Amino acid sequence: MDLGESAQYIRHHLALVGRRDPLFADDAVARVHGASLGLPRALGNLARDALIAAAAEGKALVDDACARKAVAELTRE
């Protein structure tokens, strides 16, 4: 998937659980997209982990720092 498709994929899965308002910042989407190489399963796993990182920090929006933590956990960066 390209970046736009990845963003839509995340929005679609959030809509499936009833979330309609934005939850991921654009830079967070770009980071998880890049790290996942646009592969749906990897993208979903990274987005979930970034969401967990945001919740752990009490953030209402998944930002780049949360996405970076998710990528680091996966890649050990």
PDB file of N, CA and C in Angstrom:
ATOM      1  N   MET A   1       0.841  -1.179   0.000  1.00  0.00           N
ATOM      2  CA  MET A   1       0.000   0.000   0.000  1.00  0.00           C
ATOM      3  C   MET A   1       0.885   1.241   0.000  1.00  0.00           C
ATOM      4  N   ASP A   2       0.373   2.298  -0.600  1.00  0.00           N
ATOM      5  CA  ASP A   2       1.084   3.565  -0.510  1.00  0.00           C
ATOM      6  C   ASP A   2       0.635   4.288   0.764  1.00  0.00           C
ATOM      7  N   LEU A   3       1.203   5.451   1.017  1.00  0.00           N
ATOM      8  CA  LEU A   3       0.918   6.175   2.262  1.00  0.00           C
ATOM      9  C   LEU A   3      -0.570   6.509   2.408  1.00  0.00           C
ATOM     10  N   GLY A   4      -1.194   6.954   1.339  1.00  0.00           N
ATOM     11  CA  GLY A   4      -2.616   7.280   1.390  1.00  0.00           C
ATOM     12  C   GLY A   4      -3.475   6.063   1.706  1.00  0.00           C
ATOM     13  N   GLU A   5      -3.128   4.939   1.111  1.00  0.00           N
ATOM     14  CA  GLU A   5      -3.866   3.704   1.386  1.00  0.00           C
ATOM     15  C   GLU A   5      -3.656   3.241   2.825  1.00  0.00           C
ATOM     16  N   SER A   6      -2.449   3.433   3.321  1.00  0.00           N
ATOM     17  CA  SER A   6      -2.175   3.065   4.712  1.00  0.00           C
ATOM     18  C   SER A   6      -2.996   3.928   5.671  1.00  0.00           C
ATOM     19  N   ALA A   7      -3.083   5.217   5.387  1.00  0.00           N
ATOM     20  CA  ALA A   7      -3.883   6.115   6.227  1.00  0.00           C
ATOM     21  C   ALA A   7      -5.347   5.687   6.195  1.00  0.00           C
ATOM     22  N   GLN A   8      -5.841   5.353   5.017  1.00  0.00           N
ATOM     23  CA  GLN A   8      -7.226   4.903   4.893  1.00  0.00           C
ATOM     24  C   GLN A   8      -7.439   3.572   5.616  1.00  0.00           C
ATOM     25  N   TYR A   9      -6.467   2.686   5.547  1.00  0.00           N
ATOM     26  CA  TYR A   9      -6.539   1.390   6.229  1.00  0.00           C
ATOM     27  C   TYR A   9      -6.689   1.594   7.742  1.00  0.00           C
ATOM     28  N   ILE A  10      -5.899   2.500   8.294  1.00  0.00           N
ATOM     29  CA  ILE A  10      -5.989   2.783   9.730  1.00  0.00           C
ATOM     30  C   ILE A  10      -7.347   3.403  10.058  1.00  0.00           C
ATOM     31  N   ARG A  11      -7.771   4.385   9.268  1.00  0.00           N
ATOM     32  CA  ARG A  11      -9.083   5.009   9.512  1.00  0.00           C
ATOM     33  C   ARG A  11     -10.213   3.992   9.418  1.00  0.00           C
ATOM     34  N   HIS A  12     -10.136   3.109   8.446  1.00  0.00           N
ATOM     35  CA  HIS A  12     -11.172   2.086   8.268  1.00  0.00           C
ATOM     36  C   HIS A  12     -11.263   1.176   9.491  1.00  0.00           C
ATOM     37  N   HIS A  13     -10.128   0.718   9.981  1.00  0.00           N
ATOM     38  CA  HIS A  13     -10.143  -0.179  11.131  1.00  0.00           C
ATOM     39  C   HIS A  13     -10.599   0.534  12.406  1.00  0.00           C
ATOM     40  N   LEU A  14     -10.278   1.798  12.526  1.00  0.00           N
ATOM     41  CA  LEU A  14     -10.787   2.563  13.664  1.00  0.00           C
ATOM     42  C   LEU A  14     -12.302   2.750  13.550  1.00  0.00           C
ATOM     43  N   ALA A  15     -12.799   2.962  12.335  1.00  0.00           N
ATOM     44  CA  ALA A  15     -14.242   3.113  12.129  1.00  0.00           C
ATOM     45  C   ALA A  15     -14.980   1.818  12.463  1.00  0.00           C
ATOM     46  N   LEU A  16     -14.342   0.681  12.214  1.00  0.00           N
ATOM     47  CA  LEU A  16     -14.969  -0.601  12.528  1.00  0.00           C
ATOM     48  C   LEU A  16     -15.266  -0.746  14.020  1.00  0.00           C
ATOM     49  N   VAL A  17     -14.481  -0.088  14.844  1.00  0.00           N
ATOM     50  CA  VAL A  17     -14.710  -0.144  16.292  1.00  0.00           C
ATOM     51  C   VAL A  17     -15.405   1.120  16.805  1.00  0.00           C
ATOM     52  N   GLY A  18     -15.923   1.929  15.866  1.00  0.00           N
ATOM     53  CA  GLY A  18     -16.730   3.073  16.246  1.00  0.00           C
ATOM     54  C   GLY A  18     -15.997   4.385  16.396  1.00  0.00           C
ATOM     55  N   ARG A  19     -14.741   4.437  16.050  1.00  0.00           N
ATOM     56  CA  ARG A  19     -13.962   5.684  16.180  1.00  0.00           C
ATOM     57  C   ARG A  19     -14.012   6.449  14.866  1.00  0.00           C
ATOM     58  N   ARG A  20     -14.640   7.595  14.867  1.00  0.00           N
ATOM     59  CA  ARG A  20     -14.778   8.392  13.643  1.00  0.00           C
ATOM     60  C   ARG A  20     -13.843   9.601  13.616  1.00  0.00           C
ATOM     61  N   ASP A  21     -13.509  10.141  14.787  1.00  0.00           N
ATOM     62  CA  ASP A  21     -12.650  11.325  14.806  1.00  0.00           C
ATOM     63  C   ASP A  21     -11.182  10.901  14.680  1.00  0.00           C
ATOM     64  N   PRO A  22     -10.325  11.818  14.256  1.00  0.00           N
ATOM     65  CA  PRO A  22      -8.906  11.484  14.055  1.00  0.00           C
ATOM     66  C   PRO A  22      -8.249  10.988  15.348  1.00  0.00           C
ATOM     67  N   LEU A  23      -7.473   9.956  15.235  1.00  0.00           N
ATOM     68  CA  LEU A  23      -6.774   9.394  16.382  1.00  0.00           C
ATOM     69  C   LEU A  23      -5.262   9.350  16.154  1.00  0.00           C
ATOM     70  N   PHE A  24      -4.838   9.352  14.891  1.00  0.00           N
ATOM     71  CA  PHE A  24      -3.423   9.291  14.535  1.00  0.00           C
ATOM     72  C   PHE A  24      -3.008  10.579  13.839  1.00  0.00           C
ATOM     73  N   ALA A  25      -1.932  11.187  14.304  1.00  0.00           N
ATOM     74  CA  ALA A  25      -1.352  12.349  13.627  1.00  0.00           C
ATOM     75  C   ALA A  25      -0.743  11.883  12.304  1.00  0.00           C
ATOM     76  N   ASP A  26      -0.670  12.783  11.348  1.00  0.00           N
ATOM     77  CA  ASP A  26      -0.133  12.432  10.030  1.00  0.00           C
ATOM     78  C   ASP A  26       1.281  11.884  10.102  1.00  0.00           C
ATOM     79  N   ASP A  27       2.111  12.477  10.963  1.00  0.00           N
ATOM     80  CA  ASP A  27       3.494  11.998  11.052  1.00  0.00           C
ATOM     81  C   ASP A  27       3.562  10.599  11.667  1.00  0.00           C
ATOM     82  N   ALA A  28       2.635  10.260  12.532  1.00  0.00           N
ATOM     83  CA  ALA A  28       2.586   8.916  13.107  1.00  0.00           C
ATOM     84  C   ALA A  28       2.190   7.904  12.044  1.00  0.00           C
ATOM     85  N   VAL A  29       1.226   8.268  11.215  1.00  0.00           N
ATOM     86  CA  VAL A  29       0.821   7.380  10.114  1.00  0.00           C
ATOM     87  C   VAL A  29       1.992   7.164   9.169  1.00  0.00           C
ATOM     88  N   ALA A  30       2.698   8.236   8.852  1.00  0.00           N
ATOM     89  CA  ALA A  30       3.840   8.129   7.943  1.00  0.00           C
ATOM     90  C   ALA A  30       4.922   7.212   8.523  1.00  0.00           C
ATOM     91  N   ARG A  31       5.159   7.321   9.826  1.00  0.00           N
ATOM     92  CA  ARG A  31       6.192   6.487  10.432  1.00  0.00           C
ATOM     93  C   ARG A  31       5.799   5.006  10.427  1.00  0.00           C
ATOM     94  N   VAL A  32       4.568   4.689  10.803  1.00  0.00           N
ATOM     95  CA  VAL A  32       4.174   3.276  10.822  1.00  0.00           C
ATOM     96  C   VAL A  32       4.064   2.731   9.398  1.00  0.00           C
ATOM     97  N   HIS A  33       3.677   3.585   8.470  1.00  0.00           N
ATOM     98  CA  HIS A  33       3.640   3.156   7.068  1.00  0.00           C
ATOM     99  C   HIS A  33       5.046   2.790   6.589  1.00  0.00           C
ATOM    100  N   GLY A  34       5.985   3.681   6.836  1.00  0.00           N
ATOM    101  CA  GLY A  34       7.357   3.428   6.387  1.00  0.00           C
ATOM    102  C   GLY A  34       7.959   2.177   7.009  1.00  0.00           C
ATOM    103  N   ALA A  35       7.741   2.005   8.287  1.00  0.00           N
ATOM    104  CA  ALA A  35       8.315   0.845   8.979  1.00  0.00           C
ATOM    105  C   ALA A  35       7.647  -0.454   8.565  1.00  0.00           C
ATOM    106  N   SER A  36       6.378  -0.380   8.176  1.00  0.00           N
ATOM    107  CA  SER A  36       5.648  -1.587   7.796  1.00  0.00           C
ATOM    108  C   SER A  36       5.826  -1.934   6.324  1.00  0.00           C
ATOM    109  N   LEU A  37       6.455  -1.032   5.582  1.00  0.00           N
ATOM    110  CA  LEU A  37       6.608  -1.175   4.132  1.00  0.00           C
ATOM    111  C   LEU A  37       5.259  -1.272   3.429  1.00  0.00           C
ATOM    112  N   GLY A  38       4.213  -0.761   4.090  1.00  0.00           N
ATOM    113  CA  GLY A  38       2.885  -0.784   3.502  1.00  0.00           C
ATOM    114  C   GLY A  38       2.197  -2.139   3.553  1.00  0.00           C
ATOM    115  N   LEU A  39       2.757  -3.062   4.305  1.00  0.00           N
ATOM    116  CA  LEU A  39       2.148  -4.390   4.426  1.00  0.00           C
ATOM    117  C   LEU A  39       1.043  -4.335   5.481  1.00  0.00           C
ATOM    118  N   PRO A  40      -0.165  -4.738   5.130  1.00  0.00           N
ATOM    119  CA  PRO A  40      -1.306  -4.553   6.024  1.00  0.00           C
ATOM    120  C   PRO A  40      -1.139  -5.133   7.427  1.00  0.00           C
ATOM    121  N   ARG A  41      -0.674  -6.353   7.553  1.00  0.00           N
ATOM    122  CA  ARG A  41      -0.562  -6.949   8.890  1.00  0.00           C
ATOM    123  C   ARG A  41       0.457  -6.192   9.740  1.00  0.00           C
ATOM    124  N   ALA A  42       1.600  -5.868   9.146  1.00  0.00           N
ATOM    125  CA  ALA A  42       2.630  -5.128   9.874  1.00  0.00           C
ATOM    126  C   ALA A  42       2.124  -3.731  10.235  1.00  0.00           C
ATOM    127  N   LEU A  43       1.410  -3.098   9.317  1.00  0.00           N
ATOM    128  CA  LEU A  43       0.844  -1.780   9.578  1.00  0.00           C
ATOM    129  C   LEU A  43      -0.131  -1.837  10.748  1.00  0.00           C
ATOM    130  N   GLY A  44      -1.005  -2.822  10.740  1.00  0.00           N
ATOM    131  CA  GLY A  44      -1.969  -2.973  11.820  1.00  0.00           C
ATOM    132  C   GLY A  44      -1.306  -3.215  13.159  1.00  0.00           C
ATOM    133  N   ASN A  45      -0.286  -4.049  13.161  1.00  0.00           N
ATOM    134  CA  ASN A  45       0.424  -4.335  14.410  1.00  0.00           C
ATOM    135  C   ASN A  45       1.134  -3.098  14.940  1.00  0.00           C
ATOM    136  N   LEU A  46       1.788  -2.356  14.067  1.00  0.00           N
ATOM    137  CA  LEU A  46       2.474  -1.136  14.501  1.00  0.00           C
ATOM    138  C   LEU A  46       1.485  -0.072  14.968  1.00  0.00           C
ATOM    139  N   ALA A  47       0.372   0.057  14.259  1.00  0.00           N
ATOM    140  CA  ALA A  47      -0.637   1.034  14.669  1.00  0.00           C
ATOM    141  C   ALA A  47      -1.188   0.674  16.043  1.00  0.00           C
ATOM    142  N   ARG A  48      -1.447  -0.597  16.277  1.00  0.00           N
ATOM    143  CA  ARG A  48      -1.934  -1.041  17.590  1.00  0.00           C
ATOM    144  C   ARG A  48      -0.922  -0.712  18.675  1.00  0.00           C
ATOM    145  N   ASP A  49       0.345  -1.026  18.421  1.00  0.00           N
ATOM    146  CA  ASP A  49       1.376  -0.768  19.419  1.00  0.00           C
ATOM    147  C   ASP A  49       1.557   0.731  19.674  1.00  0.00           C
ATOM    148  N   ALA A  50       1.421   1.542  18.632  1.00  0.00           N
ATOM    149  CA  ALA A  50       1.504   2.993  18.802  1.00  0.00           C
ATOM    150  C   ALA A  50       0.315   3.501  19.619  1.00  0.00           C
ATOM    151  N   LEU A  51      -0.840   2.912  19.389  1.00  0.00           N
ATOM    152  CA  LEU A  51      -2.030   3.269  20.164  1.00  0.00           C
ATOM    153  C   LEU A  51      -1.858   2.911  21.638  1.00  0.00           C
ATOM    154  N   ILE A  52      -1.267   1.770  21.904  1.00  0.00           N
ATOM    155  CA  ILE A  52      -0.984   1.360  23.285  1.00  0.00           C
ATOM    156  C   ILE A  52      -0.002   2.331  23.932  1.00  0.00           C
ATOM    157  N   ALA A  53       1.025   2.739  23.183  1.00  0.00           N
ATOM    158  CA  ALA A  53       2.002   3.697  23.715  1.00  0.00           C
ATOM    159  C   ALA A  53       1.314   5.023  24.057  1.00  0.00           C
ATOM    160  N   ALA A  54       0.408   5.468  23.199  1.00  0.00           N
ATOM    161  CA  ALA A  54      -0.311   6.713  23.468  1.00  0.00           C
ATOM    162  C   ALA A  54      -1.183   6.578  24.708  1.00  0.00           C
ATOM    163  N   ALA A  55      -1.877   5.466  24.832  1.00  0.00           N
ATOM    164  CA  ALA A  55      -2.744   5.251  25.997  1.00  0.00           C
ATOM    165  C   ALA A  55      -1.916   5.201  27.281  1.00  0.00           C
ATOM    166  N   ALA A  56      -0.754   4.570  27.220  1.00  0.00           N
ATOM    167  CA  ALA A  56       0.104   4.466  28.400  1.00  0.00           C
ATOM    168  C   ALA A  56       0.583   5.832  28.868  1.00  0.00           C
ATOM    169  N   GLU A  57       0.701   6.764  27.931  1.00  0.00           N
ATOM    170  CA  GLU A  57       1.145   8.116  28.267  1.00  0.00           C
ATOM    171  C   GLU A  57      -0.023   9.073  28.487  1.00  0.00           C
ATOM    172  N   GLY A  58      -1.244   8.568  28.388  1.00  0.00           N
ATOM    173  CA  GLY A  58      -2.415   9.402  28.598  1.00  0.00           C
ATOM    174  C   GLY A  58      -2.686  10.386  27.481  1.00  0.00           C
ATOM    175  N   LYS A  59      -2.224  10.082  26.284  1.00  0.00           N
ATOM    176  CA  LYS A  59      -2.407  10.977  25.141  1.00  0.00           C
ATOM    177  C   LYS A  59      -3.711  10.647  24.414  1.00  0.00           C
ATOM    178  N   ALA A  60      -4.383  11.671  23.947  1.00  0.00           N
ATOM    179  CA  ALA A  60      -5.622  11.496  23.195  1.00  0.00           C
ATOM    180  C   ALA A  60      -5.356  11.285  21.709  1.00  0.00           C
ATOM    181  N   LEU A  61      -4.137  11.579  21.269  1.00  0.00           N
ATOM    182  CA  LEU A  61      -3.762  11.466  19.865  1.00  0.00           C
ATOM    183  C   LEU A  61      -2.454  10.685  19.772  1.00  0.00           C
ATOM    184  N   VAL A  62      -2.411   9.734  18.856  1.00  0.00           N
ATOM    185  CA  VAL A  62      -1.166   8.997  18.613  1.00  0.00           C
ATOM    186  C   VAL A  62      -0.259   9.917  17.809  1.00  0.00           C
ATOM    187  N   ASP A  63       0.837  10.320  18.416  1.00  0.00           N
ATOM    188  CA  ASP A  63       1.768  11.226  17.743  1.00  0.00           C
ATOM    189  C   ASP A  63       3.004  10.455  17.286  1.00  0.00           C
ATOM    190  N   ASP A  64       3.930  11.189  16.705  1.00  0.00           N
ATOM    191  CA  ASP A  64       5.128  10.555  16.165  1.00  0.00           C
ATOM    192  C   ASP A  64       5.953   9.870  17.251  1.00  0.00           C
ATOM    193  N   ALA A  65       5.995  10.439  18.439  1.00  0.00           N
ATOM    194  CA  ALA A  65       6.762   9.824  19.529  1.00  0.00           C
ATOM    195  C   ALA A  65       6.204   8.442  19.864  1.00  0.00           C
ATOM    196  N   CYS A  66       4.894   8.313  19.865  1.00  0.00           N
ATOM    197  CA  CYS A  66       4.271   7.010  20.141  1.00  0.00           C
ATOM    198  C   CYS A  66       4.559   6.029  19.012  1.00  0.00           C
ATOM    199  N   ALA A  67       4.472   6.509  17.786  1.00  0.00           N
ATOM    200  CA  ALA A  67       4.773   5.647  16.640  1.00  0.00           C
ATOM    201  C   ALA A  67       6.236   5.225  16.666  1.00  0.00           C
ATOM    202  N   ARG A  68       7.110   6.145  17.051  1.00  0.00           N
ATOM    203  CA  ARG A  68       8.531   5.824  17.139  1.00  0.00           C
ATOM    204  C   ARG A  68       8.779   4.710  18.162  1.00  0.00           C
ATOM    205  N   LYS A  69       8.068   4.769  19.288  1.00  0.00           N
ATOM    206  CA  LYS A  69       8.199   3.720  20.305  1.00  0.00           C
ATOM    207  C   LYS A  69       7.749   2.374  19.765  1.00  0.00           C
ATOM    208  N   ALA A  70       6.659   2.373  19.017  1.00  0.00           N
ATOM    209  CA  ALA A  70       6.162   1.120  18.442  1.00  0.00           C
ATOM    210  C   ALA A  70       7.164   0.546  17.446  1.00  0.00           C
ATOM    211  N   VAL A  71       7.723   1.396  16.611  1.00  0.00           N
ATOM    212  CA  VAL A  71       8.713   0.944  15.631  1.00  0.00           C
ATOM    213  C   VAL A  71       9.964   0.446  16.332  1.00  0.00           C
ATOM    214  N   ALA A  72      10.407   1.157  17.353  1.00  0.00           N
ATOM    215  CA  ALA A  72      11.609   0.749  18.092  1.00  0.00           C
ATOM    216  C   ALA A  72      11.405  -0.613  18.738  1.00  0.00           C
ATOM    217  N   GLU A  73      10.226  -0.854  19.248  1.00  0.00           N
ATOM    218  CA  GLU A  73       9.933  -2.147  19.885  1.00  0.00           C
ATOM    219  C   GLU A  73      10.024  -3.266  18.865  1.00  0.00           C
ATOM    220  N   LEU A  74       9.562  -3.000  17.668  1.00  0.00           N
ATOM    221  CA  LEU A  74       9.568  -4.025  16.619  1.00  0.00           C
ATOM    222  C   LEU A  74      10.968  -4.228  16.034  1.00  0.00           C
ATOM    223  N   THR A  75      11.675  -3.122  15.821  1.00  0.00           N
ATOM    224  CA  THR A  75      12.952  -3.199  15.098  1.00  0.00           C
ATOM    225  C   THR A  75      14.168  -3.101  16.018  1.00  0.00           C
ATOM    226  N   ARG A  76      13.926  -2.821  17.297  1.00  0.00           N
ATOM    227  CA  ARG A  76      15.011  -2.646  18.268  1.00  0.00           C
ATOM    228  C   ARG A  76      15.874  -1.439  17.942  1.00  0.00           C
ATOM    229  N   GLU A  77      15.279  -0.428  17.288  1.00  0.00           N
ATOM    230  CA  GLU A  77      16.014   0.814  16.967  1.00  0.00           C
ATOM    231  C   GLU A  77      16.022   1.740  18.159  1.00  0.00           C
TER     232      GLU A  77
END
